[in-house]
Amino acid sequence: ASAKADYEHGKSLVDTENYARAAIWLEKFSSKHPYSEYAVKAEMLRLYAAYKDEEYILSETLATRFLERHPRHPDLAYVQYMLGLSYVKESGAFERDQTATKHAIETFAKLINDYPTSSYVQESRRYFQKMRNKLAAHELYVGRFYFDHERYVAAVNRFQMVVKKYQTSPAIEESLYYLTASYVRLKLMDSARE
């Protein structure tokens, strides 16, 4: 079959929400028609199919590879956005490791900075703030753990991080409360009054 026919078949699999089959088909497409005019389109479609199939590590890998291979492509904002969404999906609960959350923040910040006129900027800003709120919640969570275990210096460090870096997050008020309480426990009354 021609590259066009193979690409159209992959697209029809995506259109009918057969995302797993589409991702496999489009992977084969890339090795069968590496130099066709549809090769780059197929890469982007495979990225989308992997994401929709909830294969977020694969969609992250495909997006990263696309950004490296095609630094001048006109749809880089879209690929950057899909990379950010993949990290969002990988980021898990705020109590857990927040590496993916930090990657999401960096990815959305880069999109907002590099493609300010992109149609993905508004959504990226929303996710950017949401992920920052998650990091703030994580710092608060760890700080409270230290507070509850009477490790007040470690707790102060975490609560200060929220106060300094995440002014706009919902975690700010509780962090200020715990920061003050930690200073009181450490008998640092001047800091507590502040």
N, C-alpha and C. Protein backbone atom coordinates (compact mmCIF):
# COMPACT_ATOMS: atom_id res chain seq x y z
N ALA A 1 0.84 -1.20 0.00
CA ALA A 1 0.00 0.00 0.00
C ALA A 1 0.88 1.26 0.00
N SER A 2 0.32 2.32 -0.52
CA SER A 2 1.06 3.58 -0.57
C SER A 2 1.15 4.20 0.81
N ALA A 3 2.09 5.13 0.96
CA ALA A 3 2.23 5.86 2.23
C ALA A 3 0.93 6.57 2.58
N LYS A 4 0.31 7.17 1.56
CA LYS A 4 -0.94 7.90 1.79
C LYS A 4 -2.03 6.96 2.33
N ALA A 5 -2.17 5.80 1.69
CA ALA A 5 -3.19 4.83 2.12
C ALA A 5 -2.91 4.33 3.54
N ASP A 6 -1.65 4.06 3.83
CA ASP A 6 -1.27 3.60 5.17
C ASP A 6 -1.54 4.68 6.22
N TYR A 7 -1.21 5.92 5.87
CA TYR A 7 -1.45 7.02 6.80
C TYR A 7 -2.96 7.18 7.04
N GLU A 8 -3.74 7.15 5.96
CA GLU A 8 -5.20 7.28 6.08
C GLU A 8 -5.78 6.17 6.95
N HIS A 9 -5.22 4.96 6.83
CA HIS A 9 -5.68 3.85 7.68
C HIS A 9 -5.38 4.15 9.16
N GLY A 10 -4.17 4.63 9.42
CA GLY A 10 -3.81 5.01 10.80
C GLY A 10 -4.73 6.09 11.33
N LYS A 11 -5.03 7.07 10.49
CA LYS A 11 -5.92 8.16 10.87
C LYS A 11 -7.33 7.64 11.17
N SER A 12 -7.80 6.69 10.34
CA SER A 12 -9.14 6.14 10.56
C SER A 12 -9.20 5.36 11.89
N LEU A 13 -8.10 4.71 12.26
CA LEU A 13 -8.04 4.01 13.56
C LEU A 13 -8.17 5.02 14.70
N VAL A 14 -7.49 6.17 14.57
CA VAL A 14 -7.59 7.22 15.58
C VAL A 14 -9.01 7.78 15.61
N ASP A 15 -9.56 8.04 14.43
CA ASP A 15 -10.92 8.62 14.35
C ASP A 15 -11.97 7.72 14.98
N THR A 16 -11.74 6.41 14.93
CA THR A 16 -12.70 5.47 15.54
C THR A 16 -12.27 5.06 16.96
N GLU A 17 -11.32 5.81 17.51
CA GLU A 17 -10.85 5.64 18.89
C GLU A 17 -10.19 4.29 19.17
N ASN A 18 -9.62 3.68 18.12
CA ASN A 18 -8.81 2.48 18.30
C ASN A 18 -7.36 2.92 18.52
N TYR A 19 -7.13 3.57 19.66
CA TYR A 19 -5.84 4.26 19.88
C TYR A 19 -4.66 3.31 19.98
N ALA A 20 -4.84 2.18 20.65
CA ALA A 20 -3.74 1.23 20.81
C ALA A 20 -3.33 0.67 19.45
N ARG A 21 -4.33 0.27 18.65
CA ARG A 21 -4.04 -0.26 17.30
C ARG A 21 -3.43 0.82 16.43
N ALA A 22 -3.92 2.04 16.56
CA ALA A 22 -3.39 3.16 15.77
C ALA A 22 -1.91 3.39 16.09
N ALA A 23 -1.58 3.37 17.37
CA ALA A 23 -0.18 3.62 17.79
C ALA A 23 0.75 2.55 17.20
N ILE A 24 0.31 1.30 17.23
CA ILE A 24 1.12 0.20 16.67
C ILE A 24 1.23 0.35 15.15
N TRP A 25 0.11 0.63 14.49
CA TRP A 25 0.09 0.81 13.04
C TRP A 25 1.03 1.95 12.62
N LEU A 26 0.96 3.06 13.36
CA LEU A 26 1.76 4.23 13.00
C LEU A 26 3.24 4.02 13.32
N GLU A 27 3.54 3.16 14.28
CA GLU A 27 4.94 2.81 14.54
C GLU A 27 5.49 2.06 13.33
N LYS A 28 4.70 1.09 12.81
CA LYS A 28 5.12 0.34 11.62
C LYS A 28 5.23 1.28 10.41
N PHE A 29 4.31 2.23 10.34
CA PHE A 29 4.32 3.20 9.23
C PHE A 29 5.69 3.90 9.17
N SER A 30 6.17 4.33 10.33
CA SER A 30 7.43 5.08 10.39
C SER A 30 8.61 4.29 9.83
N SER A 31 8.63 2.96 10.07
CA SER A 31 9.75 2.18 9.53
C SER A 31 9.51 1.81 8.05
N LYS A 32 8.23 1.71 7.66
CA LYS A 32 7.88 1.34 6.27
C LYS A 32 8.03 2.53 5.30
N HIS A 33 7.69 3.73 5.77
CA HIS A 33 7.71 4.92 4.91
C HIS A 33 8.49 6.07 5.58
N PRO A 34 9.77 5.85 5.93
CA PRO A 34 10.48 6.87 6.71
C PRO A 34 10.66 8.21 6.00
N TYR A 35 10.66 8.21 4.66
CA TYR A 35 10.93 9.45 3.92
C TYR A 35 9.69 10.00 3.21
N SER A 36 8.54 9.43 3.51
CA SER A 36 7.33 9.90 2.82
C SER A 36 6.92 11.27 3.36
N GLU A 37 6.10 11.97 2.58
CA GLU A 37 5.60 13.27 3.02
C GLU A 37 4.67 13.12 4.24
N TYR A 38 4.23 11.89 4.52
CA TYR A 38 3.34 11.64 5.65
C TYR A 38 4.08 11.22 6.92
N ALA A 39 5.39 11.04 6.83
CA ALA A 39 6.17 10.51 7.95
C ALA A 39 6.04 11.37 9.21
N VAL A 40 6.18 12.68 9.06
CA VAL A 40 6.12 13.58 10.22
C VAL A 40 4.69 13.66 10.76
N LYS A 41 3.70 13.70 9.84
CA LYS A 41 2.30 13.68 10.26
C LYS A 41 2.00 12.41 11.06
N ALA A 42 2.54 11.29 10.59
CA ALA A 42 2.32 10.00 11.27
C ALA A 42 2.94 10.02 12.67
N GLU A 43 4.10 10.65 12.82
CA GLU A 43 4.73 10.77 14.15
C GLU A 43 3.80 11.53 15.11
N MET A 44 3.23 12.63 14.62
CA MET A 44 2.35 13.44 15.47
C MET A 44 1.07 12.68 15.80
N LEU A 45 0.56 11.95 14.82
CA LEU A 45 -0.66 11.17 15.05
C LEU A 45 -0.40 10.05 16.05
N ARG A 46 0.78 9.44 15.95
CA ARG A 46 1.14 8.37 16.89
C ARG A 46 1.26 8.94 18.31
N LEU A 47 1.84 10.11 18.44
CA LEU A 47 1.94 10.79 19.74
C LEU A 47 0.54 10.97 20.34
N TYR A 48 -0.38 11.48 19.52
CA TYR A 48 -1.76 11.70 19.97
C TYR A 48 -2.43 10.38 20.36
N ALA A 49 -2.24 9.35 19.53
CA ALA A 49 -2.84 8.03 19.80
C ALA A 49 -2.31 7.45 21.11
N ALA A 50 -1.01 7.56 21.33
CA ALA A 50 -0.40 7.04 22.57
C ALA A 50 -0.98 7.76 23.79
N TYR A 51 -1.11 9.08 23.68
CA TYR A 51 -1.68 9.86 24.79
C TYR A 51 -3.11 9.44 25.06
N LYS A 52 -3.92 9.34 24.01
CA LYS A 52 -5.33 8.96 24.17
C LYS A 52 -5.47 7.52 24.68
N ASP A 53 -4.47 6.69 24.42
CA ASP A 53 -4.46 5.30 24.90
C ASP A 53 -3.95 5.23 26.35
N GLU A 54 -3.70 6.39 26.96
CA GLU A 54 -3.20 6.51 28.33
C GLU A 54 -1.81 5.89 28.51
N GLU A 55 -1.05 5.88 27.42
CA GLU A 55 0.35 5.44 27.45
C GLU A 55 1.21 6.70 27.58
N TYR A 56 1.21 7.29 28.79
CA TYR A 56 1.77 8.63 28.96
C TYR A 56 3.29 8.66 28.89
N ILE A 57 3.94 7.59 29.30
CA ILE A 57 5.41 7.55 29.19
C ILE A 57 5.80 7.48 27.71
N LEU A 58 5.01 6.71 26.93
CA LEU A 58 5.26 6.64 25.49
C LEU A 58 4.99 8.00 24.83
N SER A 59 3.88 8.64 25.18
CA SER A 59 3.59 9.95 24.56
C SER A 59 4.65 10.98 24.95
N GLU A 60 5.13 10.90 26.19
CA GLU A 60 6.23 11.78 26.62
C GLU A 60 7.47 11.54 25.77
N THR A 61 7.83 10.26 25.58
CA THR A 61 9.00 9.89 24.79
C THR A 61 8.87 10.36 23.34
N LEU A 62 7.69 10.13 22.76
CA LEU A 62 7.45 10.51 21.36
C LEU A 62 7.51 12.03 21.19
N ALA A 63 6.93 12.76 22.14
CA ALA A 63 6.95 14.23 22.08
C ALA A 63 8.38 14.76 22.18
N THR A 64 9.13 14.22 23.15
CA THR A 64 10.52 14.65 23.35
C THR A 64 11.34 14.37 22.09
N ARG A 65 11.16 13.19 21.52
CA ARG A 65 11.90 12.81 20.31
C ARG A 65 11.51 13.74 19.14
N PHE A 66 10.22 14.05 19.02
CA PHE A 66 9.75 14.93 17.94
C PHE A 66 10.39 16.31 18.07
N LEU A 67 10.41 16.85 19.28
CA LEU A 67 10.99 18.18 19.52
C LEU A 67 12.48 18.21 19.16
N GLU A 68 13.17 17.10 19.43
CA GLU A 68 14.60 17.02 19.10
C GLU A 68 14.81 16.90 17.59
N ARG A 69 13.99 16.08 16.93
CA ARG A 69 14.17 15.78 15.50
C ARG A 69 13.71 16.90 14.57
N HIS A 70 12.68 17.63 15.00
CA HIS A 70 12.06 18.62 14.11
C HIS A 70 12.00 20.00 14.77
N PRO A 71 13.16 20.59 15.07
CA PRO A 71 13.17 21.86 15.83
C PRO A 71 12.55 23.04 15.09
N ARG A 72 12.28 22.91 13.79
CA ARG A 72 11.71 24.02 13.02
C ARG A 72 10.25 23.75 12.59
N HIS A 73 9.69 22.64 13.05
CA HIS A 73 8.34 22.27 12.61
C HIS A 73 7.31 23.31 13.05
N PRO A 74 6.34 23.64 12.19
CA PRO A 74 5.36 24.69 12.55
C PRO A 74 4.42 24.31 13.71
N ASP A 75 4.31 23.02 14.03
CA ASP A 75 3.38 22.59 15.10
C ASP A 75 4.09 22.26 16.41
N LEU A 76 5.23 22.89 16.66
CA LEU A 76 5.97 22.58 17.89
C LEU A 76 5.19 22.96 19.14
N ALA A 77 4.39 24.01 19.08
CA ALA A 77 3.59 24.40 20.26
C ALA A 77 2.65 23.27 20.66
N TYR A 78 2.03 22.64 19.66
CA TYR A 78 1.14 21.50 19.91
C TYR A 78 1.90 20.35 20.56
N VAL A 79 3.07 20.02 20.02
CA VAL A 79 3.86 18.90 20.55
C VAL A 79 4.32 19.22 21.98
N GLN A 80 4.72 20.46 22.21
CA GLN A 80 5.12 20.91 23.55
C GLN A 80 3.93 20.77 24.52
N TYR A 81 2.76 21.14 24.06
CA TYR A 81 1.52 21.03 24.86
C TYR A 81 1.24 19.56 25.19
N MET A 82 1.36 18.68 24.21
CA MET A 82 1.13 17.24 24.44
C MET A 82 2.17 16.68 25.42
N LEU A 83 3.40 17.18 25.34
CA LEU A 83 4.43 16.77 26.29
C LEU A 83 4.03 17.20 27.70
N GLY A 84 3.59 18.45 27.84
CA GLY A 84 3.13 18.94 29.14
C GLY A 84 1.98 18.11 29.69
N LEU A 85 1.01 17.79 28.84
CA LEU A 85 -0.14 16.98 29.28
C LEU A 85 0.31 15.58 29.72
N SER A 86 1.29 15.02 29.02
CA SER A 86 1.82 13.70 29.40
C SER A 86 2.40 13.76 30.80
N TYR A 87 3.18 14.81 31.08
CA TYR A 87 3.74 14.98 32.43
C TYR A 87 2.64 15.17 33.47
N VAL A 88 1.61 15.93 33.12
CA VAL A 88 0.49 16.14 34.05
C VAL A 88 -0.10 14.79 34.44
N LYS A 89 -0.33 13.94 33.43
CA LYS A 89 -0.92 12.61 33.68
C LYS A 89 0.02 11.72 34.49
N GLU A 90 1.33 11.90 34.32
CA GLU A 90 2.31 11.09 35.05
C GLU A 90 2.51 11.59 36.49
N SER A 91 2.03 12.78 36.78
CA SER A 91 2.44 13.45 38.03
C SER A 91 1.84 12.86 39.30
N GLY A 92 0.74 12.15 39.22
CA GLY A 92 0.19 11.46 40.40
C GLY A 92 -0.22 12.39 41.53
N ALA A 93 -0.50 11.81 42.67
CA ALA A 93 -0.99 12.55 43.84
C ALA A 93 0.10 13.44 44.43
N PHE A 94 -0.33 14.54 45.08
CA PHE A 94 0.65 15.51 45.62
C PHE A 94 1.50 14.93 46.74
N GLU A 95 1.07 13.84 47.36
CA GLU A 95 1.86 13.23 48.44
C GLU A 95 3.08 12.49 47.88
N ARG A 96 3.05 12.17 46.60
CA ARG A 96 4.09 11.34 45.99
C ARG A 96 5.22 12.21 45.41
N ASP A 97 6.21 11.54 44.81
CA ASP A 97 7.32 12.23 44.15
C ASP A 97 6.79 13.20 43.09
N GLN A 98 7.34 14.39 43.04
CA GLN A 98 6.81 15.44 42.16
C GLN A 98 7.71 15.77 40.97
N THR A 99 8.54 14.83 40.56
CA THR A 99 9.44 15.07 39.42
C THR A 99 8.64 15.39 38.16
N ALA A 100 7.61 14.60 37.86
CA ALA A 100 6.81 14.83 36.65
C ALA A 100 6.09 16.18 36.73
N THR A 101 5.66 16.57 37.92
CA THR A 101 5.00 17.87 38.11
C THR A 101 5.96 18.99 37.75
N LYS A 102 7.20 18.88 38.21
CA LYS A 102 8.22 19.90 37.89
C LYS A 102 8.49 19.95 36.38
N HIS A 103 8.54 18.77 35.74
CA HIS A 103 8.73 18.72 34.28
C HIS A 103 7.55 19.39 33.56
N ALA A 104 6.34 19.16 34.06
CA ALA A 104 5.14 19.77 33.46
C ALA A 104 5.24 21.29 33.53
N ILE A 105 5.62 21.80 34.69
CA ILE A 105 5.76 23.25 34.89
C ILE A 105 6.78 23.83 33.90
N GLU A 106 7.93 23.18 33.79
CA GLU A 106 8.98 23.63 32.86
C GLU A 106 8.47 23.62 31.41
N THR A 107 7.75 22.56 31.07
CA THR A 107 7.26 22.39 29.69
C THR A 107 6.24 23.46 29.34
N PHE A 108 5.28 23.72 30.25
CA PHE A 108 4.28 24.75 29.99
C PHE A 108 4.90 26.15 30.00
N ALA A 109 5.87 26.38 30.87
CA ALA A 109 6.56 27.68 30.91
C ALA A 109 7.27 27.93 29.58
N LYS A 110 7.91 26.88 29.05
CA LYS A 110 8.62 27.00 27.77
C LYS A 110 7.62 27.30 26.64
N LEU A 111 6.48 26.62 26.64
CA LEU A 111 5.46 26.86 25.62
C LEU A 111 4.98 28.31 25.67
N ILE A 112 4.65 28.77 26.88
CA ILE A 112 4.14 30.14 27.07
C ILE A 112 5.18 31.16 26.61
N ASN A 113 6.44 30.88 26.92
CA ASN A 113 7.54 31.78 26.58
C ASN A 113 7.88 31.75 25.08
N ASP A 114 7.99 30.54 24.52
CA ASP A 114 8.45 30.38 23.13
C ASP A 114 7.36 30.63 22.10
N TYR A 115 6.09 30.38 22.48
CA TYR A 115 4.98 30.50 21.52
C TYR A 115 3.86 31.35 22.11
N PRO A 116 4.13 32.62 22.41
CA PRO A 116 3.16 33.46 23.12
C PRO A 116 1.83 33.67 22.37
N THR A 117 1.85 33.48 21.06
CA THR A 117 0.62 33.68 20.28
C THR A 117 -0.12 32.37 20.00
N SER A 118 0.41 31.27 20.51
CA SER A 118 -0.19 29.96 20.25
C SER A 118 -1.57 29.84 20.89
N SER A 119 -2.42 29.05 20.24
CA SER A 119 -3.75 28.79 20.80
C SER A 119 -3.68 27.90 22.04
N TYR A 120 -2.51 27.35 22.35
CA TYR A 120 -2.34 26.48 23.53
C TYR A 120 -1.91 27.25 24.78
N VAL A 121 -1.65 28.55 24.63
CA VAL A 121 -1.11 29.34 25.75
C VAL A 121 -2.09 29.42 26.92
N GLN A 122 -3.36 29.70 26.63
CA GLN A 122 -4.33 29.86 27.72
C GLN A 122 -4.45 28.59 28.56
N GLU A 123 -4.62 27.44 27.89
CA GLU A 123 -4.69 26.16 28.61
C GLU A 123 -3.38 25.87 29.34
N SER A 124 -2.26 26.22 28.70
CA SER A 124 -0.95 25.98 29.31
C SER A 124 -0.81 26.78 30.61
N ARG A 125 -1.30 28.01 30.60
CA ARG A 125 -1.25 28.84 31.82
C ARG A 125 -2.06 28.20 32.94
N ARG A 126 -3.22 27.65 32.58
CA ARG A 126 -4.09 27.00 33.56
C ARG A 126 -3.37 25.78 34.17
N TYR A 127 -2.78 24.95 33.31
CA TYR A 127 -2.05 23.77 33.81
C TYR A 127 -0.81 24.18 34.60
N PHE A 128 -0.14 25.23 34.14
CA PHE A 128 1.05 25.74 34.83
C PHE A 128 0.69 26.07 36.29
N GLN A 129 -0.41 26.83 36.48
CA GLN A 129 -0.84 27.20 37.83
C GLN A 129 -1.28 25.98 38.64
N LYS A 130 -2.01 25.09 37.98
CA LYS A 130 -2.49 23.87 38.65
C LYS A 130 -1.30 23.03 39.16
N MET A 131 -0.26 22.91 38.35
CA MET A 131 0.92 22.13 38.74
C MET A 131 1.72 22.85 39.84
N ARG A 132 1.78 24.18 39.78
CA ARG A 132 2.43 24.93 40.86
C ARG A 132 1.66 24.74 42.17
N ASN A 133 0.34 24.74 42.11
CA ASN A 133 -0.48 24.50 43.30
C ASN A 133 -0.21 23.11 43.87
N LYS A 134 0.01 22.15 42.98
CA LYS A 134 0.30 20.78 43.41
C LYS A 134 1.65 20.72 44.12
N LEU A 135 2.64 21.43 43.59
CA LEU A 135 3.96 21.47 44.25
C LEU A 135 3.85 22.14 45.62
N ALA A 136 3.07 23.21 45.70
CA ALA A 136 2.86 23.90 46.98
C ALA A 136 2.19 22.95 47.98
N ALA A 137 1.18 22.21 47.51
CA ALA A 137 0.50 21.25 48.38
C ALA A 137 1.47 20.17 48.85
N HIS A 138 2.38 19.76 47.97
CA HIS A 138 3.39 18.76 48.33
C HIS A 138 4.32 19.30 49.44
N GLU A 139 4.79 20.54 49.26
CA GLU A 139 5.67 21.15 50.26
C GLU A 139 4.95 21.27 51.61
N LEU A 140 3.70 21.68 51.57
CA LEU A 140 2.88 21.79 52.79
C LEU A 140 2.73 20.42 53.45
N TYR A 141 2.46 19.41 52.64
CA TYR A 141 2.29 18.03 53.13
C TYR A 141 3.56 17.55 53.83
N VAL A 142 4.71 17.77 53.20
CA VAL A 142 5.99 17.34 53.80
C VAL A 142 6.28 18.17 55.06
N GLY A 143 6.01 19.47 54.98
CA GLY A 143 6.20 20.34 56.14
C GLY A 143 5.37 19.90 57.34
N ARG A 144 4.11 19.55 57.09
CA ARG A 144 3.24 19.08 58.18
C ARG A 144 3.75 17.77 58.76
N PHE A 145 4.30 16.90 57.91
CA PHE A 145 4.89 15.65 58.39
C PHE A 145 6.02 15.96 59.38
N TYR A 146 6.91 16.88 58.98
CA TYR A 146 8.01 17.27 59.87
C TYR A 146 7.48 17.92 61.15
N PHE A 147 6.50 18.77 61.00
CA PHE A 147 5.89 19.45 62.16
C PHE A 147 5.33 18.43 63.15
N ASP A 148 4.57 17.48 62.62
CA ASP A 148 3.95 16.44 63.46
C ASP A 148 4.99 15.55 64.15
N HIS A 149 6.18 15.46 63.56
CA HIS A 149 7.26 14.66 64.15
C HIS A 149 8.29 15.54 64.88
N GLU A 150 7.85 16.77 65.20
CA GLU A 150 8.63 17.73 66.01
C GLU A 150 10.00 18.05 65.40
N ARG A 151 10.06 18.02 64.09
CA ARG A 151 11.29 18.41 63.38
C ARG A 151 11.03 19.80 62.80
N TYR A 152 11.06 20.79 63.69
CA TYR A 152 10.56 22.13 63.35
C TYR A 152 11.44 22.89 62.37
N VAL A 153 12.76 22.69 62.42
CA VAL A 153 13.64 23.38 61.49
C VAL A 153 13.36 22.91 60.06
N ALA A 154 13.23 21.59 59.89
CA ALA A 154 12.90 21.03 58.57
C ALA A 154 11.52 21.52 58.13
N ALA A 155 10.58 21.59 59.08
CA ALA A 155 9.23 22.07 58.77
C ALA A 155 9.27 23.52 58.30
N VAL A 156 10.02 24.36 59.03
CA VAL A 156 10.15 25.78 58.67
C VAL A 156 10.63 25.91 57.22
N ASN A 157 11.64 25.12 56.85
CA ASN A 157 12.17 25.18 55.48
C ASN A 157 11.09 24.93 54.44
N ARG A 158 10.25 23.93 54.69
CA ARG A 158 9.18 23.59 53.74
C ARG A 158 8.11 24.70 53.69
N PHE A 159 7.70 25.20 54.84
CA PHE A 159 6.66 26.23 54.87
C PHE A 159 7.17 27.53 54.25
N GLN A 160 8.45 27.84 54.49
CA GLN A 160 9.05 29.04 53.88
C GLN A 160 9.06 28.93 52.36
N MET A 161 9.33 27.72 51.87
CA MET A 161 9.34 27.49 50.42
C MET A 161 7.97 27.85 49.83
N VAL A 162 6.90 27.42 50.47
CA VAL A 162 5.55 27.73 49.98
C VAL A 162 5.33 29.24 49.99
N VAL A 163 5.71 29.89 51.11
CA VAL A 163 5.50 31.33 51.25
C VAL A 163 6.30 32.12 50.20
N LYS A 164 7.54 31.67 49.94
CA LYS A 164 8.39 32.39 48.99
C LYS A 164 8.01 32.13 47.53
N LYS A 165 7.77 30.86 47.20
CA LYS A 165 7.64 30.48 45.79
C LYS A 165 6.21 30.35 45.28
N TYR A 166 5.24 30.15 46.20
CA TYR A 166 3.88 29.81 45.74
C TYR A 166 2.84 30.73 46.36
N GLN A 167 3.08 32.04 46.24
CA GLN A 167 2.19 33.07 46.80
C GLN A 167 0.73 32.90 46.37
N THR A 168 0.54 32.45 45.13
CA THR A 168 -0.82 32.41 44.56
C THR A 168 -1.52 31.07 44.79
N SER A 169 -0.89 30.18 45.56
CA SER A 169 -1.48 28.85 45.73
C SER A 169 -2.42 28.80 46.94
N PRO A 170 -3.39 27.89 46.90
CA PRO A 170 -4.30 27.72 48.04
C PRO A 170 -3.58 27.26 49.32
N ALA A 171 -2.36 26.74 49.20
CA ALA A 171 -1.61 26.22 50.35
C ALA A 171 -1.00 27.34 51.20
N ILE A 172 -1.07 28.57 50.72
CA ILE A 172 -0.34 29.67 51.37
C ILE A 172 -0.82 29.93 52.80
N GLU A 173 -2.12 29.99 53.03
CA GLU A 173 -2.63 30.33 54.37
C GLU A 173 -2.24 29.30 55.41
N GLU A 174 -2.44 28.03 55.06
CA GLU A 174 -2.09 26.96 55.99
C GLU A 174 -0.58 26.93 56.24
N SER A 175 0.18 27.21 55.22
CA SER A 175 1.64 27.25 55.37
C SER A 175 2.07 28.36 56.31
N LEU A 176 1.43 29.53 56.18
CA LEU A 176 1.74 30.64 57.10
C LEU A 176 1.40 30.27 58.53
N TYR A 177 0.27 29.62 58.72
CA TYR A 177 -0.13 29.18 60.06
C TYR A 177 0.92 28.24 60.65
N TYR A 178 1.29 27.22 59.87
CA TYR A 178 2.27 26.23 60.36
C TYR A 178 3.66 26.83 60.52
N LEU A 179 4.01 27.79 59.66
CA LEU A 179 5.30 28.46 59.78
C LEU A 179 5.37 29.20 61.12
N THR A 180 4.31 29.94 61.43
CA THR A 180 4.24 30.65 62.72
C THR A 180 4.30 29.67 63.88
N ALA A 181 3.53 28.60 63.80
CA ALA A 181 3.51 27.59 64.87
C ALA A 181 4.89 26.95 65.05
N SER A 182 5.59 26.73 63.96
CA SER A 182 6.93 26.14 64.03
C SER A 182 7.90 27.10 64.72
N TYR A 183 7.82 28.39 64.38
CA TYR A 183 8.67 29.40 65.02
C TYR A 183 8.39 29.46 66.52
N VAL A 184 7.13 29.38 66.90
CA VAL A 184 6.76 29.39 68.33
C VAL A 184 7.39 28.20 69.04
N ARG A 185 7.29 27.02 68.41
CA ARG A 185 7.89 25.81 69.01
C ARG A 185 9.40 25.94 69.14
N LEU A 186 10.01 26.67 68.19
CA LEU A 186 11.46 26.87 68.23
C LEU A 186 11.85 28.07 69.12
N LYS A 187 10.82 28.70 69.70
CA LYS A 187 10.98 29.87 70.57
C LYS A 187 11.63 31.04 69.83
N LEU A 188 11.31 31.18 68.55
CA LEU A 188 11.79 32.31 67.75
C LEU A 188 10.62 33.30 67.61
N MET A 189 10.38 34.04 68.67
CA MET A 189 9.16 34.86 68.77
C MET A 189 9.15 36.02 67.76
N ASP A 190 10.31 36.61 67.46
CA ASP A 190 10.35 37.70 66.48
C ASP A 190 9.91 37.20 65.11
N SER A 191 10.42 36.05 64.73
CA SER A 191 10.04 35.45 63.44
C SER A 191 8.55 35.09 63.45
N ALA A 192 8.06 34.57 64.56
CA ALA A 192 6.65 34.18 64.66
C ALA A 192 5.75 35.41 64.50
N ARG A 193 6.12 36.54 65.12
CA ARG A 193 5.29 37.74 65.02
C ARG A 193 5.19 38.26 63.60
N GLU A 194 6.30 38.14 62.86
CA GLU A 194 6.32 38.55 61.45
C GLU A 194 5.22 37.88 60.66
